[in-house]
Amino acid sequence: MPDSSLNPAVAEFDLARLDEMIAALGRFRDVDLLKEHLQSARQYLMGAMPKEYLLNLEWARQALDAVPDSDIRSHMDDTIVKLIARMPAAPGTE
């Protein structure tokens, strides 16, 4: 069965990206759902739960409309897409 978790160095890098996005949301109102999905994704990445991690990243992408700044919203969307692409396929999802 293939390993579906990231190596520690990659996971550390991805955690930093998630932390940056969560911190950037601090200046906006009405982004609680987006922040919750990013925080959940962070927890699932740390807990080596790839399916849940990817699901929360997808939900975060769907909640990006709450970010009023279009540049930040676009940057977050790009970051989330890259995070999803970096995650090896989970068993049973190929």
N, C-alpha and C. Protein backbone atom coordinates (compact mmCIF):
# COMPACT_ATOMS: atom_id res chain seq x y z
N MET A 1 0.85 -1.18 0.00
CA MET A 1 0.00 0.00 0.00
C MET A 1 0.89 1.23 0.00
N PRO A 2 0.69 2.20 -0.92
CA PRO A 2 1.54 3.39 -0.97
C PRO A 2 1.30 4.31 0.22
N ASP A 3 2.36 5.01 0.61
CA ASP A 3 2.27 5.96 1.70
C ASP A 3 1.58 7.22 1.19
N SER A 4 0.55 7.69 1.90
CA SER A 4 -0.20 8.85 1.44
C SER A 4 0.08 10.09 2.27
N SER A 5 1.15 10.06 3.05
CA SER A 5 1.49 11.24 3.84
C SER A 5 2.74 11.89 3.26
N LEU A 6 2.92 13.15 3.60
CA LEU A 6 4.07 13.89 3.13
C LEU A 6 5.28 13.60 4.00
N ASN A 7 6.46 13.76 3.43
CA ASN A 7 7.64 13.62 4.26
C ASN A 7 7.68 14.81 5.22
N PRO A 8 8.39 14.67 6.33
CA PRO A 8 8.35 15.72 7.37
C PRO A 8 8.76 17.11 6.89
N ALA A 9 9.76 17.21 6.03
CA ALA A 9 10.19 18.53 5.55
C ALA A 9 9.10 19.19 4.71
N VAL A 10 8.45 18.42 3.86
CA VAL A 10 7.37 18.96 3.03
C VAL A 10 6.18 19.33 3.91
N ALA A 11 5.86 18.48 4.86
CA ALA A 11 4.74 18.77 5.77
C ALA A 11 5.00 20.06 6.55
N GLU A 12 6.23 20.25 7.00
CA GLU A 12 6.58 21.46 7.74
C GLU A 12 6.39 22.70 6.87
N PHE A 13 6.80 22.62 5.63
CA PHE A 13 6.62 23.71 4.67
C PHE A 13 5.13 24.00 4.48
N ASP A 14 4.34 22.95 4.30
CA ASP A 14 2.90 23.12 4.08
C ASP A 14 2.21 23.67 5.32
N LEU A 15 2.65 23.25 6.50
CA LEU A 15 2.10 23.82 7.73
C LEU A 15 2.35 25.32 7.79
N ALA A 16 3.53 25.73 7.37
CA ALA A 16 3.84 27.16 7.37
C ALA A 16 2.93 27.91 6.41
N ARG A 17 2.62 27.33 5.25
CA ARG A 17 1.70 27.99 4.29
C ARG A 17 0.31 28.12 4.92
N LEU A 18 -0.15 27.06 5.57
CA LEU A 18 -1.46 27.12 6.23
C LEU A 18 -1.46 28.18 7.33
N ASP A 19 -0.40 28.23 8.12
CA ASP A 19 -0.31 29.24 9.18
C ASP A 19 -0.33 30.65 8.61
N GLU A 20 0.34 30.87 7.48
CA GLU A 20 0.34 32.18 6.84
C GLU A 20 -1.07 32.58 6.41
N MET A 21 -1.79 31.62 5.82
CA MET A 21 -3.16 31.95 5.38
C MET A 21 -4.06 32.23 6.57
N ILE A 22 -3.94 31.43 7.61
CA ILE A 22 -4.77 31.65 8.81
C ILE A 22 -4.47 33.01 9.41
N ALA A 23 -3.20 33.38 9.49
CA ALA A 23 -2.82 34.68 10.04
C ALA A 23 -3.35 35.82 9.16
N ALA A 24 -3.31 35.66 7.85
CA ALA A 24 -3.79 36.70 6.94
C ALA A 24 -5.28 36.96 7.11
N LEU A 25 -6.01 35.96 7.54
CA LEU A 25 -7.46 36.13 7.72
C LEU A 25 -7.80 36.95 8.95
N GLY A 26 -6.84 37.17 9.82
CA GLY A 26 -7.09 37.90 11.06
C GLY A 26 -7.61 39.31 10.86
N ARG A 27 -7.34 39.90 9.73
CA ARG A 27 -7.78 41.28 9.50
C ARG A 27 -9.15 41.39 8.86
N PHE A 28 -9.76 40.26 8.55
CA PHE A 28 -11.06 40.27 7.90
C PHE A 28 -12.16 39.76 8.82
N ARG A 29 -13.36 40.27 8.58
CA ARG A 29 -14.54 39.79 9.30
C ARG A 29 -15.26 38.78 8.42
N ASP A 30 -16.08 37.99 9.04
CA ASP A 30 -16.94 37.05 8.32
C ASP A 30 -16.16 36.00 7.52
N VAL A 31 -15.01 35.58 8.04
CA VAL A 31 -14.22 34.54 7.39
C VAL A 31 -14.06 33.33 8.31
N ASP A 32 -14.96 33.22 9.28
CA ASP A 32 -14.84 32.14 10.28
C ASP A 32 -14.87 30.75 9.66
N LEU A 33 -15.74 30.53 8.70
CA LEU A 33 -15.84 29.20 8.08
C LEU A 33 -14.55 28.86 7.34
N LEU A 34 -14.03 29.80 6.59
CA LEU A 34 -12.76 29.60 5.88
C LEU A 34 -11.65 29.30 6.88
N LYS A 35 -11.57 30.08 7.93
CA LYS A 35 -10.53 29.89 8.94
C LYS A 35 -10.67 28.51 9.59
N GLU A 36 -11.90 28.11 9.86
CA GLU A 36 -12.14 26.79 10.46
C GLU A 36 -11.65 25.67 9.54
N HIS A 37 -11.91 25.78 8.25
CA HIS A 37 -11.46 24.74 7.31
C HIS A 37 -9.94 24.70 7.23
N LEU A 38 -9.29 25.85 7.23
CA LEU A 38 -7.83 25.88 7.19
C LEU A 38 -7.23 25.31 8.48
N GLN A 39 -7.83 25.65 9.61
CA GLN A 39 -7.34 25.12 10.88
C GLN A 39 -7.55 23.60 10.95
N SER A 40 -8.67 23.14 10.45
CA SER A 40 -8.92 21.70 10.42
C SER A 40 -7.93 21.00 9.49
N ALA A 41 -7.68 21.60 8.33
CA ALA A 41 -6.71 21.02 7.40
C ALA A 41 -5.35 20.92 8.08
N ARG A 42 -4.98 21.95 8.81
CA ARG A 42 -3.70 21.95 9.54
C ARG A 42 -3.65 20.78 10.52
N GLN A 43 -4.70 20.60 11.28
CA GLN A 43 -4.75 19.51 12.26
C GLN A 43 -4.66 18.15 11.57
N TYR A 44 -5.38 17.99 10.48
CA TYR A 44 -5.35 16.71 9.77
C TYR A 44 -4.00 16.45 9.11
N LEU A 45 -3.34 17.49 8.65
CA LEU A 45 -1.99 17.31 8.10
C LEU A 45 -1.04 16.85 9.20
N MET A 46 -1.14 17.47 10.35
CA MET A 46 -0.28 17.09 11.48
C MET A 46 -0.60 15.67 11.95
N GLY A 47 -1.85 15.27 11.84
CA GLY A 47 -2.27 13.96 12.29
C GLY A 47 -2.16 12.87 11.23
N ALA A 48 -1.56 13.21 10.10
CA ALA A 48 -1.37 12.25 9.00
C ALA A 48 -2.70 11.62 8.58
N MET A 49 -3.68 12.47 8.36
CA MET A 49 -5.00 12.03 7.89
C MET A 49 -5.24 12.69 6.53
N PRO A 50 -4.66 12.12 5.47
CA PRO A 50 -4.65 12.80 4.16
C PRO A 50 -6.02 13.04 3.54
N LYS A 51 -6.92 12.10 3.67
CA LYS A 51 -8.24 12.31 3.05
C LYS A 51 -8.96 13.48 3.69
N GLU A 52 -8.91 13.57 5.02
CA GLU A 52 -9.55 14.66 5.74
C GLU A 52 -8.86 15.98 5.45
N TYR A 53 -7.53 15.93 5.34
CA TYR A 53 -6.74 17.11 5.00
C TYR A 53 -7.17 17.67 3.64
N LEU A 54 -7.22 16.80 2.64
CA LEU A 54 -7.60 17.24 1.30
C LEU A 54 -9.05 17.74 1.25
N LEU A 55 -9.92 17.08 1.97
CA LEU A 55 -11.32 17.49 2.00
C LEU A 55 -11.45 18.90 2.59
N ASN A 56 -10.73 19.18 3.67
CA ASN A 56 -10.80 20.50 4.28
C ASN A 56 -10.17 21.57 3.40
N LEU A 57 -9.13 21.21 2.65
CA LEU A 57 -8.57 22.16 1.70
C LEU A 57 -9.58 22.49 0.62
N GLU A 58 -10.30 21.49 0.13
CA GLU A 58 -11.34 21.74 -0.88
C GLU A 58 -12.45 22.63 -0.31
N TRP A 59 -12.85 22.35 0.91
CA TRP A 59 -13.88 23.19 1.55
C TRP A 59 -13.38 24.62 1.74
N ALA A 60 -12.10 24.76 2.07
CA ALA A 60 -11.52 26.10 2.22
C ALA A 60 -11.58 26.84 0.89
N ARG A 61 -11.26 26.15 -0.19
CA ARG A 61 -11.34 26.78 -1.52
C ARG A 61 -12.76 27.27 -1.81
N GLN A 62 -13.73 26.48 -1.42
CA GLN A 62 -15.13 26.86 -1.67
C GLN A 62 -15.55 28.06 -0.82
N ALA A 63 -14.86 28.27 0.30
CA ALA A 63 -15.22 29.36 1.21
C ALA A 63 -14.41 30.63 0.95
N LEU A 64 -13.56 30.63 -0.05
CA LEU A 64 -12.69 31.79 -0.32
C LEU A 64 -13.45 33.05 -0.69
N ASP A 65 -14.67 32.94 -1.15
CA ASP A 65 -15.44 34.13 -1.51
C ASP A 65 -15.64 35.07 -0.34
N ALA A 66 -15.45 34.58 0.88
CA ALA A 66 -15.61 35.42 2.06
C ALA A 66 -14.48 36.44 2.21
N VAL A 67 -13.37 36.23 1.52
CA VAL A 67 -12.23 37.15 1.61
C VAL A 67 -12.51 38.33 0.68
N PRO A 68 -12.64 39.54 1.23
CA PRO A 68 -13.01 40.69 0.40
C PRO A 68 -11.88 41.20 -0.49
N ASP A 69 -10.64 40.96 -0.14
CA ASP A 69 -9.49 41.43 -0.92
C ASP A 69 -9.20 40.43 -2.03
N SER A 70 -9.39 40.86 -3.27
CA SER A 70 -9.26 39.92 -4.40
C SER A 70 -7.83 39.41 -4.57
N ASP A 71 -6.83 40.23 -4.27
CA ASP A 71 -5.44 39.77 -4.39
C ASP A 71 -5.13 38.68 -3.36
N ILE A 72 -5.57 38.90 -2.15
CA ILE A 72 -5.34 37.90 -1.11
C ILE A 72 -6.13 36.64 -1.41
N ARG A 73 -7.37 36.81 -1.86
CA ARG A 73 -8.21 35.66 -2.22
C ARG A 73 -7.55 34.84 -3.32
N SER A 74 -7.03 35.51 -4.34
CA SER A 74 -6.36 34.82 -5.44
C SER A 74 -5.09 34.11 -4.97
N HIS A 75 -4.32 34.77 -4.13
CA HIS A 75 -3.10 34.16 -3.60
C HIS A 75 -3.44 32.92 -2.77
N MET A 76 -4.47 33.01 -1.96
CA MET A 76 -4.88 31.86 -1.14
C MET A 76 -5.36 30.71 -2.03
N ASP A 77 -6.09 31.03 -3.07
CA ASP A 77 -6.56 29.99 -3.98
C ASP A 77 -5.37 29.28 -4.62
N ASP A 78 -4.39 30.06 -5.09
CA ASP A 78 -3.19 29.46 -5.68
C ASP A 78 -2.46 28.58 -4.67
N THR A 79 -2.35 29.06 -3.44
CA THR A 79 -1.66 28.30 -2.40
C THR A 79 -2.38 27.00 -2.11
N ILE A 80 -3.70 27.05 -1.99
CA ILE A 80 -4.47 25.84 -1.71
C ILE A 80 -4.33 24.83 -2.85
N VAL A 81 -4.40 25.32 -4.09
CA VAL A 81 -4.23 24.43 -5.24
C VAL A 81 -2.88 23.73 -5.17
N LYS A 82 -1.84 24.48 -4.84
CA LYS A 82 -0.49 23.90 -4.74
C LYS A 82 -0.40 22.89 -3.59
N LEU A 83 -1.03 23.20 -2.47
CA LEU A 83 -1.03 22.26 -1.34
C LEU A 83 -1.71 20.95 -1.72
N ILE A 84 -2.82 21.06 -2.42
CA ILE A 84 -3.53 19.86 -2.85
C ILE A 84 -2.66 19.05 -3.81
N ALA A 85 -2.01 19.72 -4.73
CA ALA A 85 -1.18 19.04 -5.73
C ALA A 85 0.03 18.35 -5.09
N ARG A 86 0.52 18.89 -3.99
CA ARG A 86 1.70 18.32 -3.32
C ARG A 86 1.37 17.05 -2.54
N MET A 87 0.13 16.81 -2.26
CA MET A 87 -0.25 15.67 -1.44
C MET A 87 -0.33 14.42 -2.29
N PRO A 88 0.45 13.41 -1.95
CA PRO A 88 0.34 12.14 -2.70
C PRO A 88 -1.09 11.60 -2.62
N ALA A 89 -1.49 10.88 -3.65
CA ALA A 89 -2.84 10.32 -3.67
C ALA A 89 -3.03 9.36 -2.51
N ALA A 90 -4.15 9.51 -1.84
CA ALA A 90 -4.47 8.60 -0.74
C ALA A 90 -4.92 7.26 -1.32
N PRO A 91 -4.63 6.17 -0.65
CA PRO A 91 -5.09 4.88 -1.15
C PRO A 91 -6.59 4.88 -1.40
N GLY A 92 -6.97 4.36 -2.53
CA GLY A 92 -8.39 4.29 -2.86
C GLY A 92 -8.94 5.54 -3.53
N THR A 93 -8.06 6.56 -3.75
CA THR A 93 -8.55 7.77 -4.38
C THR A 93 -7.90 8.02 -5.73
N GLU A 94 -7.03 7.10 -6.19
CA GLU A 94 -6.39 7.30 -7.47
C GLU A 94 -7.38 7.13 -8.60
